[in-house]
Amino acid sequence: MNHINPAATTTIAYYYPLLLRYATIVTGDRDEAEKIARNVLKDQYQLNGLAPSKLLRLVLKTDVLNRCLYFKQFQIFDRPPIKIPVGGCVLPEEEEDNNPSK
């Protein structure tokens, strides 16, 4: 995020304090909340340049919540978060069809 366009700079300035406060409430850790808020904004900037849309606020809030829950999962279970890849789930019907033990 070295060369940020002016519109994205305004968006970051608006959303960063909101995301930081939300992440701090969920995690209870200010340092981790800062990392989460920065990473969410950085990743969203890389995806679409933080282009204004009706759903941007919802996307940012959901991403922050998910990352906070990954952090809490790591704290609770003392292991790295489990991340399921997109499209990686197997439906129970498909699982039974692929089971060679039948």
N, C-alpha and C. Protein backbone atom coordinates (compact mmCIF):
# COMPACT_ATOMS: atom_id res chain seq x y z
N MET A 1 0.82 -1.18 0.00
CA MET A 1 0.00 0.00 0.00
C MET A 1 0.87 1.25 0.00
N ASN A 2 1.91 1.25 -0.80
CA ASN A 2 2.80 2.40 -0.85
C ASN A 2 2.20 3.56 -1.62
N HIS A 3 1.59 3.29 -2.76
CA HIS A 3 1.01 4.33 -3.60
C HIS A 3 -0.51 4.17 -3.59
N ILE A 4 -1.14 4.86 -2.67
CA ILE A 4 -2.58 4.73 -2.49
C ILE A 4 -3.26 5.92 -3.16
N ASN A 5 -4.33 5.61 -3.91
CA ASN A 5 -5.04 6.71 -4.56
C ASN A 5 -5.80 7.52 -3.51
N PRO A 6 -6.09 8.78 -3.80
CA PRO A 6 -6.73 9.67 -2.81
C PRO A 6 -8.08 9.16 -2.30
N ALA A 7 -8.87 8.54 -3.16
CA ALA A 7 -10.18 8.04 -2.72
C ALA A 7 -10.00 6.93 -1.70
N ALA A 8 -9.02 6.07 -1.93
CA ALA A 8 -8.76 4.97 -0.98
C ALA A 8 -8.22 5.52 0.34
N THR A 9 -7.43 6.57 0.27
CA THR A 9 -6.90 7.18 1.49
C THR A 9 -8.04 7.70 2.36
N THR A 10 -9.02 8.31 1.75
CA THR A 10 -10.18 8.81 2.48
C THR A 10 -10.98 7.65 3.08
N THR A 11 -11.13 6.59 2.31
CA THR A 11 -11.86 5.41 2.79
C THR A 11 -11.14 4.78 3.97
N ILE A 12 -9.82 4.66 3.88
CA ILE A 12 -9.03 4.08 4.97
C ILE A 12 -9.15 4.95 6.22
N ALA A 13 -9.05 6.26 6.05
CA ALA A 13 -9.16 7.17 7.19
C ALA A 13 -10.52 7.07 7.87
N TYR A 14 -11.55 6.78 7.10
CA TYR A 14 -12.90 6.66 7.67
C TYR A 14 -13.08 5.30 8.38
N TYR A 15 -12.67 4.22 7.71
CA TYR A 15 -12.97 2.89 8.23
C TYR A 15 -11.98 2.37 9.28
N TYR A 16 -10.73 2.80 9.24
CA TYR A 16 -9.74 2.25 10.17
C TYR A 16 -10.15 2.40 11.64
N PRO A 17 -10.55 3.58 12.11
CA PRO A 17 -10.93 3.68 13.53
C PRO A 17 -12.15 2.81 13.88
N LEU A 18 -13.08 2.67 12.94
CA LEU A 18 -14.27 1.85 13.20
C LEU A 18 -13.88 0.37 13.30
N LEU A 19 -13.05 -0.08 12.36
CA LEU A 19 -12.62 -1.48 12.37
C LEU A 19 -11.74 -1.77 13.58
N LEU A 20 -10.90 -0.82 13.94
CA LEU A 20 -10.03 -0.98 15.11
C LEU A 20 -10.86 -1.13 16.38
N ARG A 21 -11.86 -0.28 16.54
CA ARG A 21 -12.71 -0.36 17.73
C ARG A 21 -13.47 -1.69 17.77
N TYR A 22 -14.00 -2.11 16.64
CA TYR A 22 -14.74 -3.37 16.56
C TYR A 22 -13.83 -4.56 16.88
N ALA A 23 -12.63 -4.57 16.30
CA ALA A 23 -11.69 -5.67 16.55
C ALA A 23 -11.23 -5.68 18.01
N THR A 24 -11.05 -4.53 18.59
CA THR A 24 -10.63 -4.46 19.99
C THR A 24 -11.71 -5.02 20.91
N ILE A 25 -12.96 -4.72 20.61
CA ILE A 25 -14.07 -5.24 21.42
C ILE A 25 -14.13 -6.77 21.32
N VAL A 26 -13.98 -7.30 20.12
CA VAL A 26 -14.11 -8.74 19.93
C VAL A 26 -12.92 -9.50 20.50
N THR A 27 -11.70 -9.01 20.24
CA THR A 27 -10.50 -9.74 20.68
C THR A 27 -10.09 -9.41 22.10
N GLY A 28 -10.33 -8.19 22.53
CA GLY A 28 -9.87 -7.77 23.85
C GLY A 28 -8.38 -7.47 23.86
N ASP A 29 -7.76 -7.40 22.70
CA ASP A 29 -6.31 -7.16 22.58
C ASP A 29 -6.09 -6.04 21.58
N ARG A 30 -5.65 -4.90 22.05
CA ARG A 30 -5.49 -3.71 21.19
C ARG A 30 -4.43 -3.93 20.11
N ASP A 31 -3.30 -4.55 20.47
CA ASP A 31 -2.24 -4.76 19.49
C ASP A 31 -2.70 -5.67 18.35
N GLU A 32 -3.36 -6.75 18.71
CA GLU A 32 -3.86 -7.67 17.68
C GLU A 32 -4.96 -7.01 16.86
N ALA A 33 -5.78 -6.19 17.49
CA ALA A 33 -6.84 -5.47 16.78
C ALA A 33 -6.25 -4.53 15.73
N GLU A 34 -5.14 -3.87 16.05
CA GLU A 34 -4.48 -2.99 15.09
C GLU A 34 -3.99 -3.78 13.88
N LYS A 35 -3.40 -4.95 14.14
CA LYS A 35 -2.91 -5.80 13.04
C LYS A 35 -4.08 -6.25 12.16
N ILE A 36 -5.15 -6.67 12.80
CA ILE A 36 -6.31 -7.16 12.05
C ILE A 36 -6.90 -6.06 11.19
N ALA A 37 -7.11 -4.88 11.77
CA ALA A 37 -7.71 -3.77 11.02
C ALA A 37 -6.84 -3.37 9.84
N ARG A 38 -5.51 -3.29 10.07
CA ARG A 38 -4.60 -2.94 8.98
C ARG A 38 -4.61 -3.99 7.87
N ASN A 39 -4.57 -5.27 8.26
CA ASN A 39 -4.53 -6.33 7.26
C ASN A 39 -5.83 -6.42 6.46
N VAL A 40 -6.95 -6.19 7.11
CA VAL A 40 -8.23 -6.21 6.39
C VAL A 40 -8.26 -5.11 5.35
N LEU A 41 -7.87 -3.91 5.72
CA LEU A 41 -7.86 -2.80 4.77
C LEU A 41 -6.85 -3.02 3.65
N LYS A 42 -5.68 -3.56 4.01
CA LYS A 42 -4.66 -3.82 3.00
C LYS A 42 -5.14 -4.87 2.00
N ASP A 43 -5.71 -5.96 2.50
CA ASP A 43 -6.19 -7.01 1.60
C ASP A 43 -7.33 -6.53 0.72
N GLN A 44 -8.24 -5.77 1.29
CA GLN A 44 -9.35 -5.26 0.48
C GLN A 44 -8.85 -4.26 -0.56
N TYR A 45 -7.83 -3.49 -0.20
CA TYR A 45 -7.26 -2.56 -1.17
C TYR A 45 -6.63 -3.32 -2.33
N GLN A 46 -5.95 -4.42 -2.03
CA GLN A 46 -5.33 -5.23 -3.08
C GLN A 46 -6.39 -5.89 -3.96
N LEU A 47 -7.53 -6.25 -3.37
CA LEU A 47 -8.58 -6.90 -4.15
C LEU A 47 -9.29 -5.95 -5.10
N ASN A 48 -9.74 -4.81 -4.57
CA ASN A 48 -10.51 -3.91 -5.43
C ASN A 48 -10.21 -2.43 -5.20
N GLY A 49 -9.11 -2.12 -4.57
CA GLY A 49 -8.75 -0.72 -4.39
C GLY A 49 -9.65 0.03 -3.43
N LEU A 50 -10.38 -0.70 -2.57
CA LEU A 50 -11.34 -0.11 -1.63
C LEU A 50 -12.35 0.76 -2.37
N ALA A 51 -12.79 0.26 -3.51
CA ALA A 51 -13.79 0.98 -4.29
C ALA A 51 -15.07 1.12 -3.50
N PRO A 52 -15.62 2.32 -3.43
CA PRO A 52 -16.86 2.51 -2.68
C PRO A 52 -17.99 1.68 -3.28
N SER A 53 -18.73 1.05 -2.42
CA SER A 53 -19.91 0.29 -2.85
C SER A 53 -20.87 0.21 -1.67
N LYS A 54 -22.06 -0.27 -1.95
CA LYS A 54 -23.06 -0.40 -0.89
C LYS A 54 -22.67 -1.46 0.13
N LEU A 55 -21.87 -2.43 -0.29
CA LEU A 55 -21.53 -3.56 0.58
C LEU A 55 -20.15 -3.45 1.21
N LEU A 56 -19.40 -2.40 0.94
CA LEU A 56 -18.03 -2.31 1.45
C LEU A 56 -17.99 -2.39 2.97
N ARG A 57 -18.86 -1.67 3.64
CA ARG A 57 -18.87 -1.68 5.10
C ARG A 57 -19.14 -3.09 5.63
N LEU A 58 -20.09 -3.78 5.03
CA LEU A 58 -20.42 -5.15 5.45
C LEU A 58 -19.26 -6.11 5.20
N VAL A 59 -18.61 -5.97 4.06
CA VAL A 59 -17.46 -6.83 3.73
C VAL A 59 -16.34 -6.62 4.74
N LEU A 60 -16.01 -5.37 5.02
CA LEU A 60 -14.94 -5.07 5.97
C LEU A 60 -15.28 -5.58 7.37
N LYS A 61 -16.50 -5.34 7.80
CA LYS A 61 -16.92 -5.78 9.14
C LYS A 61 -16.88 -7.30 9.25
N THR A 62 -17.35 -8.00 8.23
CA THR A 62 -17.35 -9.46 8.25
C THR A 62 -15.93 -10.00 8.25
N ASP A 63 -15.06 -9.41 7.46
CA ASP A 63 -13.67 -9.86 7.42
C ASP A 63 -12.99 -9.64 8.77
N VAL A 64 -13.24 -8.51 9.40
CA VAL A 64 -12.67 -8.25 10.72
C VAL A 64 -13.18 -9.27 11.73
N LEU A 65 -14.47 -9.52 11.71
CA LEU A 65 -15.05 -10.49 12.65
C LEU A 65 -14.43 -11.87 12.45
N ASN A 66 -14.30 -12.32 11.22
CA ASN A 66 -13.71 -13.63 10.95
C ASN A 66 -12.28 -13.72 11.44
N ARG A 67 -11.50 -12.69 11.18
CA ARG A 67 -10.10 -12.70 11.63
C ARG A 67 -10.00 -12.64 13.16
N CYS A 68 -10.91 -11.92 13.78
CA CYS A 68 -10.94 -11.89 15.24
C CYS A 68 -11.28 -13.27 15.81
N LEU A 69 -12.21 -13.94 15.18
CA LEU A 69 -12.59 -15.28 15.64
C LEU A 69 -11.45 -16.27 15.41
N TYR A 70 -10.70 -16.13 14.32
CA TYR A 70 -9.52 -16.97 14.12
C TYR A 70 -8.51 -16.73 15.25
N PHE A 71 -8.32 -15.47 15.61
CA PHE A 71 -7.41 -15.13 16.69
C PHE A 71 -7.88 -15.74 18.01
N LYS A 72 -9.18 -15.63 18.30
CA LYS A 72 -9.71 -16.21 19.54
C LYS A 72 -9.60 -17.73 19.52
N GLN A 73 -9.81 -18.34 18.37
CA GLN A 73 -9.67 -19.78 18.24
C GLN A 73 -8.24 -20.20 18.56
N PHE A 74 -7.30 -19.45 18.07
CA PHE A 74 -5.90 -19.74 18.36
C PHE A 74 -5.62 -19.63 19.86
N GLN A 75 -6.19 -18.63 20.50
CA GLN A 75 -6.00 -18.46 21.95
C GLN A 75 -6.64 -19.59 22.73
N ILE A 76 -7.86 -19.94 22.40
CA ILE A 76 -8.62 -20.92 23.16
C ILE A 76 -8.02 -22.31 23.02
N PHE A 77 -7.73 -22.70 21.79
CA PHE A 77 -7.28 -24.07 21.55
C PHE A 77 -5.76 -24.20 21.47
N ASP A 78 -5.05 -23.08 21.58
CA ASP A 78 -3.60 -23.07 21.55
C ASP A 78 -3.06 -23.79 20.32
N ARG A 79 -3.65 -23.50 19.19
CA ARG A 79 -3.19 -24.06 17.92
C ARG A 79 -3.55 -23.07 16.82
N PRO A 80 -2.90 -23.20 15.67
CA PRO A 80 -3.21 -22.27 14.58
C PRO A 80 -4.66 -22.40 14.14
N PRO A 81 -5.23 -21.33 13.63
CA PRO A 81 -6.63 -21.38 13.19
C PRO A 81 -6.81 -22.36 12.03
N ILE A 82 -7.96 -22.98 11.99
CA ILE A 82 -8.30 -23.89 10.91
C ILE A 82 -9.00 -23.08 9.85
N LYS A 83 -8.42 -23.04 8.68
CA LYS A 83 -9.02 -22.29 7.58
C LYS A 83 -9.40 -23.29 6.49
N ILE A 84 -10.66 -23.30 6.15
CA ILE A 84 -11.15 -24.20 5.11
C ILE A 84 -11.07 -23.46 3.78
N PRO A 85 -10.40 -24.06 2.79
CA PRO A 85 -10.31 -23.37 1.50
C PRO A 85 -11.67 -23.24 0.85
N VAL A 86 -11.82 -22.21 0.05
CA VAL A 86 -13.08 -21.97 -0.64
C VAL A 86 -13.34 -23.15 -1.57
N GLY A 87 -14.56 -23.66 -1.51
CA GLY A 87 -14.92 -24.79 -2.36
C GLY A 87 -14.35 -26.11 -1.86
N GLY A 88 -13.82 -26.12 -0.65
CA GLY A 88 -13.18 -27.31 -0.13
C GLY A 88 -14.09 -28.22 0.66
N CYS A 89 -15.35 -27.86 0.81
CA CYS A 89 -16.23 -28.69 1.62
C CYS A 89 -16.81 -29.81 0.76
N VAL A 90 -17.04 -30.95 1.41
CA VAL A 90 -17.61 -32.10 0.73
C VAL A 90 -18.97 -32.37 1.35
N LEU A 91 -19.98 -32.45 0.53
CA LEU A 91 -21.32 -32.74 1.02
C LEU A 91 -21.39 -34.19 1.50
N PRO A 92 -22.22 -34.48 2.50
CA PRO A 92 -22.30 -35.85 3.03
C PRO A 92 -22.61 -36.88 1.94
N GLU A 93 -23.44 -36.54 0.96
CA GLU A 93 -23.77 -37.48 -0.10
C GLU A 93 -22.54 -37.81 -0.93
N GLU A 94 -21.73 -36.79 -1.24
CA GLU A 94 -20.52 -37.00 -2.03
C GLU A 94 -19.51 -37.82 -1.26
N GLU A 95 -19.45 -37.61 0.04
CA GLU A 95 -18.50 -38.33 0.88
C GLU A 95 -18.81 -39.82 0.87
N GLU A 96 -20.10 -40.17 0.94
CA GLU A 96 -20.50 -41.58 0.92
C GLU A 96 -20.19 -42.22 -0.43
N ASP A 97 -20.37 -41.47 -1.52
CA ASP A 97 -20.12 -42.00 -2.85
C ASP A 97 -18.64 -42.28 -3.08
N ASN A 98 -17.76 -41.50 -2.45
CA ASN A 98 -16.34 -41.64 -2.66
C ASN A 98 -15.69 -42.58 -1.64
N ASN A 99 -16.46 -43.14 -0.74
CA ASN A 99 -15.90 -44.01 0.29
C ASN A 99 -15.65 -45.39 -0.30
N PRO A 100 -14.35 -45.81 -0.44
CA PRO A 100 -14.05 -47.10 -1.06
C PRO A 100 -14.28 -48.29 -0.13
N SER A 101 -14.62 -48.07 1.12
CA SER A 101 -14.77 -49.19 2.06
C SER A 101 -16.09 -49.92 1.89
N LYS A 102 -16.96 -49.49 0.99
CA LYS A 102 -18.23 -50.16 0.78
C LYS A 102 -18.06 -51.40 -0.04
